[in-house]
């Protein structure tokens, strides 16, 4: 982690923990207390970074979108368009089957 502040580290830990729990249990079955207990942060710290569970879920979706777009971009390898598309589709299929289509 490159010179991250304590707050940035806490925010990142909450995002990672919440993402994992929501992927495993679903949004409705994951409580804020579940996230607090699993991440080890205090309730006030969580709410400082994310005023509500809904705001936290939007941050999770935003990060997942960025990560997936970077993954797609990195998968576009090859000289010809058809080769690049084939490599992209192969990479997506491999990733999704490896994770059993959980987590985006």
C-alpha atoms as a PDB file:
ATOM      1  CA  UNK A   1       0.000   0.000   0.000  1.00  0.00           C
ATOM      2  CA  UNK A   2       1.641   3.161  -1.178  1.00  0.00           C
ATOM      3  CA  UNK A   3       1.539   5.833   1.523  1.00  0.00           C
ATOM      4  CA  UNK A   4      -2.103   5.283   2.357  1.00  0.00           C
ATOM      5  CA  UNK A   5      -3.486   7.066   5.386  1.00  0.00           C
ATOM      6  CA  UNK A   6      -4.988   5.150   8.276  1.00  0.00           C
ATOM      7  CA  UNK A   7      -8.440   6.248   7.083  1.00  0.00           C
ATOM      8  CA  UNK A   8      -7.812   4.985   3.546  1.00  0.00           C
ATOM      9  CA  UNK A   9      -6.635   1.642   4.910  1.00  0.00           C
ATOM     10  CA  UNK A  10      -9.754   1.376   7.081  1.00  0.00           C
ATOM     11  CA  UNK A  11     -12.028   2.284   4.171  1.00  0.00           C
ATOM     12  CA  UNK A  12     -10.329  -0.275   1.944  1.00  0.00           C
ATOM     13  CA  UNK A  13     -10.624  -2.980   4.614  1.00  0.00           C
ATOM     14  CA  UNK A  14     -14.344  -2.277   5.021  1.00  0.00           C
ATOM     15  CA  UNK A  15     -14.864  -2.419   1.237  1.00  0.00           C
ATOM     16  CA  UNK A  16     -12.979  -5.696   0.884  1.00  0.00           C
ATOM     17  CA  UNK A  17     -14.710  -7.301   3.845  1.00  0.00           C
ATOM     18  CA  UNK A  18     -18.175  -6.144   2.802  1.00  0.00           C
ATOM     19  CA  UNK A  19     -17.593  -7.317  -0.769  1.00  0.00           C
ATOM     20  CA  UNK A  20     -16.607 -10.778   0.438  1.00  0.00           C
ATOM     21  CA  UNK A  21     -19.554 -11.083   2.827  1.00  0.00           C
ATOM     22  CA  UNK A  22     -22.129  -9.804   0.329  1.00  0.00           C
ATOM     23  CA  UNK A  23     -20.793 -12.184  -2.338  1.00  0.00           C
ATOM     24  CA  UNK A  24     -21.088 -15.079   0.115  1.00  0.00           C
ATOM     25  CA  UNK A  25     -24.356 -14.259   1.882  1.00  0.00           C
ATOM     26  CA  UNK A  26     -26.142 -11.738  -0.335  1.00  0.00           C
ATOM     27  CA  UNK A  27     -26.955  -8.088   0.327  1.00  0.00           C
ATOM     28  CA  UNK A  28     -30.078  -8.632   2.428  1.00  0.00           C
ATOM     29  CA  UNK A  29     -28.461 -11.376   4.528  1.00  0.00           C
ATOM     30  CA  UNK A  30     -25.379  -9.300   5.367  1.00  0.00           C
ATOM     31  CA  UNK A  31     -25.867  -6.866   8.217  1.00  0.00           C
ATOM     32  CA  UNK A  32     -23.754  -3.853   9.090  1.00  0.00           C
ATOM     33  CA  UNK A  33     -22.832  -5.672  12.299  1.00  0.00           C
ATOM     34  CA  UNK A  34     -21.579  -8.633  10.225  1.00  0.00           C
ATOM     35  CA  UNK A  35     -19.299  -6.242   8.333  1.00  0.00           C
ATOM     36  CA  UNK A  36     -18.122  -4.542  11.546  1.00  0.00           C
ATOM     37  CA  UNK A  37     -17.355  -7.874  13.228  1.00  0.00           C
ATOM     38  CA  UNK A  38     -15.542  -9.327  10.205  1.00  0.00           C
ATOM     39  CA  UNK A  39     -13.523  -6.186   9.426  1.00  0.00           C
ATOM     40  CA  UNK A  40     -12.670  -5.307  13.020  1.00  0.00           C
ATOM     41  CA  UNK A  41     -13.558  -1.635  12.572  1.00  0.00           C
ATOM     42  CA  UNK A  42     -15.658   0.357  14.972  1.00  0.00           C
ATOM     43  CA  UNK A  43     -19.190   1.282  13.978  1.00  0.00           C
ATOM     44  CA  UNK A  44     -18.351   4.989  13.954  1.00  0.00           C
ATOM     45  CA  UNK A  45     -15.439   4.390  11.575  1.00  0.00           C
ATOM     46  CA  UNK A  46     -17.625   2.459   9.164  1.00  0.00           C
ATOM     47  CA  UNK A  47     -20.297   5.148   9.172  1.00  0.00           C
ATOM     48  CA  UNK A  48     -17.672   7.877   8.775  1.00  0.00           C
ATOM     49  CA  UNK A  49     -16.667   6.371   5.415  1.00  0.00           C
ATOM     50  CA  UNK A  50     -20.074   5.019   4.393  1.00  0.00           C
ATOM     51  CA  UNK A  51     -23.134   6.815   5.827  1.00  0.00           C
ATOM     52  CA  UNK A  52     -25.390   3.822   5.085  1.00  0.00           C
ATOM     53  CA  UNK A  53     -25.323   0.230   3.926  1.00  0.00           C
ATOM     54  CA  UNK A  54     -26.686   1.434   0.592  1.00  0.00           C
ATOM     55  CA  UNK A  55     -23.772   3.894   0.182  1.00  0.00           C
ATOM     56  CA  UNK A  56     -21.375   1.055   0.977  1.00  0.00           C
ATOM     57  CA  UNK A  57     -23.032  -1.142  -1.644  1.00  0.00           C
ATOM     58  CA  UNK A  58     -22.686   1.624  -4.260  1.00  0.00           C
ATOM     59  CA  UNK A  59     -18.984   1.896  -3.433  1.00  0.00           C
ATOM     60  CA  UNK A  60     -18.657  -1.889  -3.821  1.00  0.00           C
ATOM     61  CA  UNK A  61     -20.355  -1.748  -7.222  1.00  0.00           C
ATOM     62  CA  UNK A  62     -18.165   1.155  -8.310  1.00  0.00           C
ATOM     63  CA  UNK A  63     -14.984  -0.690  -7.336  1.00  0.00           C
ATOM     64  CA  UNK A  64     -16.184  -3.920  -8.959  1.00  0.00           C
ATOM     65  CA  UNK A  65     -16.920  -2.020 -12.161  1.00  0.00           C
ATOM     66  CA  UNK A  66     -13.432  -0.456 -12.206  1.00  0.00           C
ATOM     67  CA  UNK A  67     -11.780  -3.803 -11.493  1.00  0.00           C
ATOM     68  CA  UNK A  68     -13.770  -5.604 -14.183  1.00  0.00           C
ATOM     69  CA  UNK A  69     -13.083  -2.947 -16.815  1.00  0.00           C
ATOM     70  CA  UNK A  70      -9.350  -3.166 -16.046  1.00  0.00           C
ATOM     71  CA  UNK A  71      -9.579  -6.958 -16.329  1.00  0.00           C
ATOM     72  CA  UNK A  72     -11.315  -6.665 -19.708  1.00  0.00           C
ATOM     73  CA  UNK A  73      -8.751  -4.170 -20.979  1.00  0.00           C
ATOM     74  CA  UNK A  74      -5.877  -6.432 -19.886  1.00  0.00           C
ATOM     75  CA  UNK A  75      -7.542  -9.400 -21.628  1.00  0.00           C
ATOM     76  CA  UNK A  76      -7.601  -7.696 -25.035  1.00  0.00           C
ATOM     77  CA  UNK A  77      -4.357  -9.214 -26.290  1.00  0.00           C
ATOM     78  CA  UNK A  78      -3.466 -10.014 -29.844  1.00  0.00           C
ATOM     79  CA  UNK A  79      -2.774  -8.293 -33.122  1.00  0.00           C
ATOM     80  CA  UNK A  80      -6.051  -8.838 -34.950  1.00  0.00           C
ATOM     81  CA  UNK A  81      -9.485  -7.781 -33.698  1.00  0.00           C
ATOM     82  CA  UNK A  82     -10.902 -11.329 -33.837  1.00  0.00           C
ATOM     83  CA  UNK A  83      -7.931 -12.665 -31.879  1.00  0.00           C
ATOM     84  CA  UNK A  84      -8.336  -9.928 -29.263  1.00  0.00           C
ATOM     85  CA  UNK A  85     -12.063 -10.641 -28.908  1.00  0.00           C
ATOM     86  CA  UNK A  86     -11.406 -14.379 -28.627  1.00  0.00           C
ATOM     87  CA  UNK A  87      -8.782 -13.807 -25.916  1.00  0.00           C
ATOM     88  CA  UNK A  88     -11.157 -11.516 -24.024  1.00  0.00           C
ATOM     89  CA  UNK A  89     -13.988 -14.068 -24.112  1.00  0.00           C
ATOM     90  CA  UNK A  90     -11.623 -16.874 -23.074  1.00  0.00           C
ATOM     91  CA  UNK A  91     -10.371 -14.800 -20.134  1.00  0.00           C
ATOM     92  CA  UNK A  92     -13.910 -13.973 -18.993  1.00  0.00           C
ATOM     93  CA  UNK A  93     -14.991 -17.611 -19.273  1.00  0.00           C
ATOM     94  CA  UNK A  94     -11.931 -18.827 -17.363  1.00  0.00           C
ATOM     95  CA  UNK A  95     -12.407 -16.249 -14.593  1.00  0.00           C
ATOM     96  CA  UNK A  96     -16.123 -16.942 -14.217  1.00  0.00           C
ATOM     97  CA  UNK A  97     -15.798 -20.729 -14.175  1.00  0.00           C
ATOM     98  CA  UNK A  98     -12.922 -20.520 -11.673  1.00  0.00           C
ATOM     99  CA  UNK A  99     -15.065 -18.435  -9.298  1.00  0.00           C
ATOM    100  CA  UNK A 100     -18.254 -20.399 -10.103  1.00  0.00           C
ATOM    101  CA  UNK A 101     -19.791 -17.143 -11.360  1.00  0.00           C
ATOM    102  CA  UNK A 102     -19.660 -15.574  -7.866  1.00  0.00           C
ATOM    103  CA  UNK A 103     -18.416 -12.048  -7.361  1.00  0.00           C
ATOM    104  CA  UNK A 104     -18.992 -10.531 -10.762  1.00  0.00           C
END
